């Protein structure tokens, strides 16, 4: 799937395509029993830990608790030297 986005305080939002069978589909069905393989949901973590239960959300739910305008592409590694 595509690249992830970062937000304040260690927030990370990563798109995931639900497979069949896969753990992401099972997690999605905890939120919405009608979740189907092929749908794109969003895995949300803060400092590597799942944010809420189940930690994966559809876009309409995601935008209720994440300020989408605060998300941005990850910056280059700060400690990397260029030659």
PDB file of N, CA and C in Angstrom:
ATOM      1  N   UNK A   1       0.857  -1.176   0.000  1.00  0.00           N
ATOM      2  CA  UNK A   1       0.000   0.000   0.000  1.00  0.00           C
ATOM      3  C   UNK A   1       0.893   1.226   0.000  1.00  0.00           C
ATOM      4  N   UNK A   2       0.291   2.386  -0.026  1.00  0.00           N
ATOM      5  CA  UNK A   2       1.048   3.629  -0.124  1.00  0.00           C
ATOM      6  C   UNK A   2       1.793   4.009   1.135  1.00  0.00           C
ATOM      7  N   UNK A   3       2.463   5.139   1.069  1.00  0.00           N
ATOM      8  CA  UNK A   3       3.259   5.638   2.183  1.00  0.00           C
ATOM      9  C   UNK A   3       2.380   6.079   3.339  1.00  0.00           C
ATOM     10  N   UNK A   4       2.988   6.145   4.492  1.00  0.00           N
ATOM     11  CA  UNK A   4       2.288   6.608   5.676  1.00  0.00           C
ATOM     12  C   UNK A   4       2.440   8.123   5.811  1.00  0.00           C
ATOM     13  N   UNK A   5       1.632   8.695   6.675  1.00  0.00           N
ATOM     14  CA  UNK A   5       1.718  10.112   7.021  1.00  0.00           C
ATOM     15  C   UNK A   5       2.001  10.219   8.507  1.00  0.00           C
ATOM     16  N   UNK A   6       2.648  11.296   8.895  1.00  0.00           N
ATOM     17  CA  UNK A   6       2.946  11.545  10.293  1.00  0.00           C
ATOM     18  C   UNK A   6       2.167  12.749  10.781  1.00  0.00           C
ATOM     19  N   UNK A   7       1.976  12.797  12.101  1.00  0.00           N
ATOM     20  CA  UNK A   7       1.305  13.919  12.732  1.00  0.00           C
ATOM     21  C   UNK A   7       2.005  14.272  14.025  1.00  0.00           C
ATOM     22  N   UNK A   8       1.410  15.151  14.806  1.00  0.00           N
ATOM     23  CA  UNK A   8       2.038  15.578  16.056  1.00  0.00           C
ATOM     24  C   UNK A   8       2.101  14.454  17.091  1.00  0.00           C
ATOM     25  N   UNK A   9       3.063  14.576  17.994  1.00  0.00           N
ATOM     26  CA  UNK A   9       3.190  13.662  19.145  1.00  0.00           C
ATOM     27  C   UNK A   9       3.336  12.196  18.746  1.00  0.00           C
ATOM     28  N   UNK A  10       4.092  11.919  17.689  1.00  0.00           N
ATOM     29  CA  UNK A  10       4.363  10.538  17.298  1.00  0.00           C
ATOM     30  C   UNK A  10       3.241   9.841  16.558  1.00  0.00           C
ATOM     31  N   UNK A  11       2.246  10.592  16.089  1.00  0.00           N
ATOM     32  CA  UNK A  11       1.114  10.007  15.363  1.00  0.00           C
ATOM     33  C   UNK A  11       1.567   9.525  13.984  1.00  0.00           C
ATOM     34  N   UNK A  12       1.091   8.358  13.590  1.00  0.00           N
ATOM     35  CA  UNK A  12       1.395   7.803  12.268  1.00  0.00           C
ATOM     36  C   UNK A  12       0.117   7.185  11.716  1.00  0.00           C
ATOM     37  N   UNK A  13      -0.221   7.514  10.469  1.00  0.00           N
ATOM     38  CA  UNK A  13      -1.414   6.996   9.802  1.00  0.00           C
ATOM     39  C   UNK A  13      -0.958   6.317   8.514  1.00  0.00           C
ATOM     40  N   UNK A  14      -1.285   5.029   8.397  1.00  0.00           N
ATOM     41  CA  UNK A  14      -0.833   4.236   7.260  1.00  0.00           C
ATOM     42  C   UNK A  14      -2.029   3.551   6.587  1.00  0.00           C
ATOM     43  N   UNK A  15      -2.193   3.752   5.272  1.00  0.00           N
ATOM     44  CA  UNK A  15      -3.289   3.063   4.589  1.00  0.00           C
ATOM     45  C   UNK A  15      -2.989   1.572   4.464  1.00  0.00           C
ATOM     46  N   UNK A  16      -4.010   0.749   4.665  1.00  0.00           N
ATOM     47  CA  UNK A  16      -3.877  -0.696   4.493  1.00  0.00           C
ATOM     48  C   UNK A  16      -5.081  -1.200   3.703  1.00  0.00           C
ATOM     49  N   UNK A  17      -4.801  -2.079   2.765  1.00  0.00           N
ATOM     50  CA  UNK A  17      -5.885  -2.690   2.009  1.00  0.00           C
ATOM     51  C   UNK A  17      -6.258  -3.983   2.708  1.00  0.00           C
ATOM     52  N   UNK A  18      -7.528  -4.130   3.003  1.00  0.00           N
ATOM     53  CA  UNK A  18      -8.006  -5.322   3.700  1.00  0.00           C
ATOM     54  C   UNK A  18      -7.903  -6.529   2.782  1.00  0.00           C
ATOM     55  N   UNK A  19      -7.340  -7.599   3.290  1.00  0.00           N
ATOM     56  CA  UNK A  19      -7.198  -8.828   2.518  1.00  0.00           C
ATOM     57  C   UNK A  19      -8.175  -9.885   3.005  1.00  0.00           C
ATOM     58  N   UNK A  20      -8.112 -11.050   2.387  1.00  0.00           N
ATOM     59  CA  UNK A  20      -8.997 -12.137   2.796  1.00  0.00           C
ATOM     60  C   UNK A  20      -8.240 -13.445   2.726  1.00  0.00           C
ATOM     61  N   UNK A  21      -7.959 -14.110   3.785  1.00  0.00           N
ATOM     62  CA  UNK A  21      -8.142 -13.613   5.154  1.00  0.00           C
ATOM     63  C   UNK A  21      -6.903 -12.853   5.583  1.00  0.00           C
ATOM     64  N   UNK A  22      -7.029 -11.928   6.460  1.00  0.00           N
ATOM     65  CA  UNK A  22      -5.883 -11.289   7.091  1.00  0.00           C
ATOM     66  C   UNK A  22      -6.301 -10.605   8.383  1.00  0.00           C
ATOM     67  N   UNK A  23      -5.316 -10.305   9.197  1.00  0.00           N
ATOM     68  CA  UNK A  23      -5.556  -9.712  10.507  1.00  0.00           C
ATOM     69  C   UNK A  23      -6.239  -8.360  10.383  1.00  0.00           C
ATOM     70  N   UNK A  24      -5.853  -7.565   9.373  1.00  0.00           N
ATOM     71  CA  UNK A  24      -6.467  -6.245   9.208  1.00  0.00           C
ATOM     72  C   UNK A  24      -7.967  -6.341   8.960  1.00  0.00           C
ATOM     73  N   UNK A  25      -8.391  -7.339   8.193  1.00  0.00           N
ATOM     74  CA  UNK A  25      -9.826  -7.530   7.952  1.00  0.00           C
ATOM     75  C   UNK A  25     -10.534  -7.883   9.262  1.00  0.00           C
ATOM     76  N   UNK A  26      -9.927  -8.744  10.049  1.00  0.00           N
ATOM     77  CA  UNK A  26     -10.532  -9.113  11.338  1.00  0.00           C
ATOM     78  C   UNK A  26     -10.632  -7.899  12.261  1.00  0.00           C
ATOM     79  N   UNK A  27      -9.574  -7.072  12.306  1.00  0.00           N
ATOM     80  CA  UNK A  27      -9.609  -5.863  13.123  1.00  0.00           C
ATOM     81  C   UNK A  27     -10.675  -4.901  12.627  1.00  0.00           C
ATOM     82  N   UNK A  28     -10.768  -4.724  11.318  1.00  0.00           N
ATOM     83  CA  UNK A  28     -11.767  -3.826  10.738  1.00  0.00           C
ATOM     84  C   UNK A  28     -13.177  -4.288  11.084  1.00  0.00           C
ATOM     85  N   UNK A  29     -13.389  -5.583  11.085  1.00  0.00           N
ATOM     86  CA  UNK A  29     -14.723  -6.109  11.395  1.00  0.00           C
ATOM     87  C   UNK A  29     -15.089  -5.950  12.869  1.00  0.00           C
ATOM     88  N   UNK A  30     -14.089  -5.651  13.719  1.00  0.00           N
ATOM     89  CA  UNK A  30     -14.401  -5.302  15.113  1.00  0.00           C
ATOM     90  C   UNK A  30     -15.133  -3.963  15.154  1.00  0.00           C
ATOM     91  N   UNK A  31     -14.816  -3.082  14.231  1.00  0.00           N
ATOM     92  CA  UNK A  31     -15.423  -1.752  14.157  1.00  0.00           C
ATOM     93  C   UNK A  31     -16.689  -1.793  13.305  1.00  0.00           C
ATOM     94  N   UNK A  32     -16.605  -2.513  12.182  1.00  0.00           N
ATOM     95  CA  UNK A  32     -17.712  -2.568  11.230  1.00  0.00           C
ATOM     96  C   UNK A  32     -17.803  -3.979  10.666  1.00  0.00           C
ATOM     97  N   UNK A  33     -18.834  -4.712  11.069  1.00  0.00           N
ATOM     98  CA  UNK A  33     -18.998  -6.104  10.640  1.00  0.00           C
ATOM     99  C   UNK A  33     -19.116  -6.234   9.126  1.00  0.00           C
ATOM    100  N   UNK A  34     -19.457  -5.142   8.440  1.00  0.00           N
ATOM    101  CA  UNK A  34     -19.604  -5.174   6.984  1.00  0.00           C
ATOM    102  C   UNK A  34     -18.326  -4.878   6.220  1.00  0.00           C
ATOM    103  N   UNK A  35     -17.188  -4.734   6.909  1.00  0.00           N
ATOM    104  CA  UNK A  35     -15.912  -4.474   6.221  1.00  0.00           C
ATOM    105  C   UNK A  35     -15.618  -5.609   5.253  1.00  0.00           C
ATOM    106  N   UNK A  36     -15.151  -5.260   4.060  1.00  0.00           N
ATOM    107  CA  UNK A  36     -14.933  -6.247   3.005  1.00  0.00           C
ATOM    108  C   UNK A  36     -13.492  -6.234   2.516  1.00  0.00           C
ATOM    109  N   UNK A  37     -12.990  -7.387   2.053  1.00  0.00           N
ATOM    110  CA  UNK A  37     -11.660  -7.436   1.453  1.00  0.00           C
ATOM    111  C   UNK A  37     -11.573  -6.442   0.292  1.00  0.00           C
ATOM    112  N   UNK A  38     -10.420  -5.810   0.146  1.00  0.00           N
ATOM    113  CA  UNK A  38     -10.209  -4.838  -0.926  1.00  0.00           C
ATOM    114  C   UNK A  38     -10.417  -3.400  -0.487  1.00  0.00           C
ATOM    115  N   UNK A  39     -11.157  -3.177   0.601  1.00  0.00           N
ATOM    116  CA  UNK A  39     -11.362  -1.811   1.098  1.00  0.00           C
ATOM    117  C   UNK A  39     -10.054  -1.283   1.675  1.00  0.00           C
ATOM    118  N   UNK A  40      -9.872   0.038   1.606  1.00  0.00           N
ATOM    119  CA  UNK A  40      -8.710   0.671   2.209  1.00  0.00           C
ATOM    120  C   UNK A  40      -9.145   1.304   3.524  1.00  0.00           C
ATOM    121  N   UNK A  41      -8.490   0.886   4.601  1.00  0.00           N
ATOM    122  CA  UNK A  41      -8.699   1.437   5.929  1.00  0.00           C
ATOM    123  C   UNK A  41      -7.386   2.053   6.376  1.00  0.00           C
ATOM    124  N   UNK A  42      -7.340   2.597   7.574  1.00  0.00           N
ATOM    125  CA  UNK A  42      -6.153   3.314   8.030  1.00  0.00           C
ATOM    126  C   UNK A  42      -5.711   2.826   9.399  1.00  0.00           C
ATOM    127  N   UNK A  43      -4.457   2.355   9.460  1.00  0.00           N
ATOM    128  CA  UNK A  43      -3.848   1.917  10.709  1.00  0.00           C
ATOM    129  C   UNK A  43      -3.298   3.161  11.400  1.00  0.00           C
ATOM    130  N   UNK A  44      -3.678   3.371  12.653  1.00  0.00           N
ATOM    131  CA  UNK A  44      -3.284   4.571  13.384  1.00  0.00           C
ATOM    132  C   UNK A  44      -2.478   4.156  14.608  1.00  0.00           C
ATOM    133  N   UNK A  45      -1.258   4.693  14.712  1.00  0.00           N
ATOM    134  CA  UNK A  45      -0.400   4.416  15.855  1.00  0.00           C
ATOM    135  C   UNK A  45       0.147   5.725  16.416  1.00  0.00           C
ATOM    136  N   UNK A  46       0.534   5.673  17.686  1.00  0.00           N
ATOM    137  CA  UNK A  46       1.227   6.796  18.313  1.00  0.00           C
ATOM    138  C   UNK A  46       2.450   6.190  18.994  1.00  0.00           C
ATOM    139  N   UNK A  47       3.619   6.626  18.539  1.00  0.00           N
ATOM    140  CA  UNK A  47       4.884   6.082  19.056  1.00  0.00           C
ATOM    141  C   UNK A  47       4.917   4.555  18.983  1.00  0.00           C
ATOM    142  N   UNK A  48       4.392   4.006  17.901  1.00  0.00           N
ATOM    143  CA  UNK A  48       4.434   2.572  17.653  1.00  0.00           C
ATOM    144  C   UNK A  48       3.321   1.749  18.271  1.00  0.00           C
ATOM    145  N   UNK A  49       2.470   2.361  19.086  1.00  0.00           N
ATOM    146  CA  UNK A  49       1.375   1.638  19.736  1.00  0.00           C
ATOM    147  C   UNK A  49       0.054   1.972  19.039  1.00  0.00           C
ATOM    148  N   UNK A  50      -0.798   0.962  18.883  1.00  0.00           N
ATOM    149  CA  UNK A  50      -2.102   1.176  18.256  1.00  0.00           C
ATOM    150  C   UNK A  50      -2.873   2.246  19.010  1.00  0.00           C
ATOM    151  N   UNK A  51      -3.502   3.139  18.265  1.00  0.00           N
ATOM    152  CA  UNK A  51      -4.305   4.200  18.856  1.00  0.00           C
ATOM    153  C   UNK A  51      -5.748   3.721  18.921  1.00  0.00           C
ATOM    154  N   UNK A  52      -6.205   3.418  20.115  1.00  0.00           N
ATOM    155  CA  UNK A  52      -7.566   2.923  20.301  1.00  0.00           C
ATOM    156  C   UNK A  52      -7.695   1.469  19.905  1.00  0.00           C
ATOM    157  N   UNK A  53      -8.906   0.973  20.025  1.00  0.00           N
ATOM    158  CA  UNK A  53      -9.224  -0.396  19.644  1.00  0.00           C
ATOM    159  C   UNK A  53     -10.252  -0.305  18.540  1.00  0.00           C
ATOM    160  N   UNK A  54     -10.053  -0.874  17.383  1.00  0.00           N
ATOM    161  CA  UNK A  54      -9.052  -1.877  17.058  1.00  0.00           C
ATOM    162  C   UNK A  54      -7.741  -1.320  16.496  1.00  0.00           C
ATOM    163  N   UNK A  55      -7.609  -0.006  16.300  1.00  0.00           N
ATOM    164  CA  UNK A  55      -6.370   0.568  15.778  1.00  0.00           C
ATOM    165  C   UNK A  55      -6.371   0.734  14.276  1.00  0.00           C
ATOM    166  N   UNK A  56      -7.448   0.331  13.623  1.00  0.00           N
ATOM    167  CA  UNK A  56      -7.597   0.456  12.169  1.00  0.00           C
ATOM    168  C   UNK A  56      -9.007   0.980  11.911  1.00  0.00           C
ATOM    169  N   UNK A  57      -9.114   2.010  11.053  1.00  0.00           N
ATOM    170  CA  UNK A  57     -10.386   2.723  10.911  1.00  0.00           C
ATOM    171  C   UNK A  57     -10.675   3.099   9.458  1.00  0.00           C
ATOM    172  N   UNK A  58     -11.958   3.208   9.096  1.00  0.00           N
ATOM    173  CA  UNK A  58     -12.310   3.761   7.792  1.00  0.00           C
ATOM    174  C   UNK A  58     -12.122   5.279   7.838  1.00  0.00           C
ATOM    175  N   UNK A  59     -12.032   5.917   6.685  1.00  0.00           N
ATOM    176  CA  UNK A  59     -11.761   7.350   6.607  1.00  0.00           C
ATOM    177  C   UNK A  59     -12.775   8.183   7.391  1.00  0.00           C
ATOM    178  N   UNK A  60     -14.063   7.864   7.318  1.00  0.00           N
ATOM    179  CA  UNK A  60     -15.060   8.692   8.004  1.00  0.00           C
ATOM    180  C   UNK A  60     -14.874   8.684   9.518  1.00  0.00           C
ATOM    181  N   UNK A  61     -14.416   7.590  10.077  1.00  0.00           N
ATOM    182  CA  UNK A  61     -14.152   7.517  11.516  1.00  0.00           C
ATOM    183  C   UNK A  61     -12.817   8.179  11.832  1.00  0.00           C
ATOM    184  N   UNK A  62     -11.824   7.940  10.990  1.00  0.00           N
ATOM    185  CA  UNK A  62     -10.496   8.517  11.193  1.00  0.00           C
ATOM    186  C   UNK A  62     -10.568  10.034  11.344  1.00  0.00           C
ATOM    187  N   UNK A  63     -11.302  10.678  10.477  1.00  0.00           N
ATOM    188  CA  UNK A  63     -11.349  12.137  10.509  1.00  0.00           C
ATOM    189  C   UNK A  63     -12.115  12.690  11.705  1.00  0.00           C
ATOM    190  N   UNK A  64     -12.785  11.824  12.468  1.00  0.00           N
ATOM    191  CA  UNK A  64     -13.454  12.270  13.690  1.00  0.00           C
ATOM    192  C   UNK A  64     -12.477  12.490  14.838  1.00  0.00           C
ATOM    193  N   UNK A  65     -11.341  11.755  14.851  1.00  0.00           N
ATOM    194  CA  UNK A  65     -10.426  11.915  15.972  1.00  0.00           C
ATOM    195  C   UNK A  65      -8.988  12.253  15.582  1.00  0.00           C
ATOM    196  N   UNK A  66      -8.715  12.369  14.284  1.00  0.00           N
ATOM    197  CA  UNK A  66      -7.400  12.808  13.819  1.00  0.00           C
ATOM    198  C   UNK A  66      -7.612  14.052  12.967  1.00  0.00           C
ATOM    199  N   UNK A  67      -6.875  15.109  13.283  1.00  0.00           N
ATOM    200  CA  UNK A  67      -6.948  16.333  12.486  1.00  0.00           C
ATOM    201  C   UNK A  67      -6.147  16.079  11.205  1.00  0.00           C
ATOM    202  N   UNK A  68      -6.865  15.823  10.104  1.00  0.00           N
ATOM    203  CA  UNK A  68      -6.211  15.431   8.860  1.00  0.00           C
ATOM    204  C   UNK A  68      -5.253  16.510   8.360  1.00  0.00           C
ATOM    205  N   UNK A  69      -5.542  17.774   8.645  1.00  0.00           N
ATOM    206  CA  UNK A  69      -4.677  18.876   8.220  1.00  0.00           C
ATOM    207  C   UNK A  69      -3.324  18.873   8.912  1.00  0.00           C
ATOM    208  N   UNK A  70      -3.208  18.166  10.037  1.00  0.00           N
ATOM    209  CA  UNK A  70      -1.940  18.088  10.761  1.00  0.00           C
ATOM    210  C   UNK A  70      -1.027  16.983  10.227  1.00  0.00           C
ATOM    211  N   UNK A  71      -1.541  16.140   9.337  1.00  0.00           N
ATOM    212  CA  UNK A  71      -0.742  15.039   8.801  1.00  0.00           C
ATOM    213  C   UNK A  71       0.154  15.543   7.678  1.00  0.00           C
ATOM    214  N   UNK A  72       1.354  14.964   7.583  1.00  0.00           N
ATOM    215  CA  UNK A  72       2.314  15.368   6.558  1.00  0.00           C
ATOM    216  C   UNK A  72       3.201  14.183   6.191  1.00  0.00           C
ATOM    217  N   UNK A  73       3.884  14.302   5.060  1.00  0.00           N
ATOM    218  CA  UNK A  73       4.841  13.284   4.634  1.00  0.00           C
ATOM    219  C   UNK A  73       5.964  13.213   5.666  1.00  0.00           C
ATOM    220  N   UNK A  74       6.541  12.040   5.878  1.00  0.00           N
ATOM    221  CA  UNK A  74       7.663  11.943   6.819  1.00  0.00           C
ATOM    222  C   UNK A  74       8.859  12.733   6.308  1.00  0.00           C
ATOM    223  N   UNK A  75       9.588  13.343   7.242  1.00  0.00           N
ATOM    224  CA  UNK A  75      10.785  14.086   6.879  1.00  0.00           C
ATOM    225  C   UNK A  75      11.951  13.124   6.740  1.00  0.00           C
ATOM    226  N   UNK A  76      12.995  13.559   6.038  1.00  0.00           N
ATOM    227  CA  UNK A  76      14.209  12.739   5.898  1.00  0.00           C
ATOM    228  C   UNK A  76      14.800  12.518   7.278  1.00  0.00           C
ATOM    229  N   UNK A  77      15.508  11.424   7.456  1.00  0.00           N
ATOM    230  CA  UNK A  77      16.154  11.136   8.748  1.00  0.00           C
ATOM    231  C   UNK A  77      17.073  12.286   9.125  1.00  0.00           C
ATOM    232  N   UNK A  78      16.886  12.824  10.319  1.00  0.00           N
ATOM    233  CA  UNK A  78      17.643  13.980  10.764  1.00  0.00           C
ATOM    234  C   UNK A  78      19.130  13.668  10.912  1.00  0.00           C
ATOM    235  N   UNK A  79      19.497  12.444  11.253  1.00  0.00           N
ATOM    236  CA  UNK A  79      20.878  12.107  11.485  1.00  0.00           C
ATOM    237  C   UNK A  79      21.642  11.688  10.234  1.00  0.00           C
ATOM    238  N   UNK A  80      20.997  11.668   9.087  1.00  0.00           N
ATOM    239  CA  UNK A  80      21.638  11.220   7.858  1.00  0.00           C
ATOM    240  C   UNK A  80      22.555  12.295   7.306  1.00  0.00           C
ATOM    241  N   UNK A  81      23.772  11.897   6.910  1.00  0.00           N
ATOM    242  CA  UNK A  81      24.697  12.831   6.303  1.00  0.00           C
ATOM    243  C   UNK A  81      24.620  12.673   4.798  1.00  0.00           C
ATOM    244  N   UNK A  82      24.833  13.758   4.098  1.00  0.00           N
ATOM    245  CA  UNK A  82      24.854  13.713   2.640  1.00  0.00           C
ATOM    246  C   UNK A  82      26.280  13.927   2.156  1.00  0.00           C
ATOM    247  N   UNK A  83      26.672  13.214   1.121  1.00  0.00           N
ATOM    248  CA  UNK A  83      28.046  13.336   0.615  1.00  0.00           C
ATOM    249  C   UNK A  83      28.114  14.292  -0.537  1.00  0.00           C
TER     250      UNK A  83
END
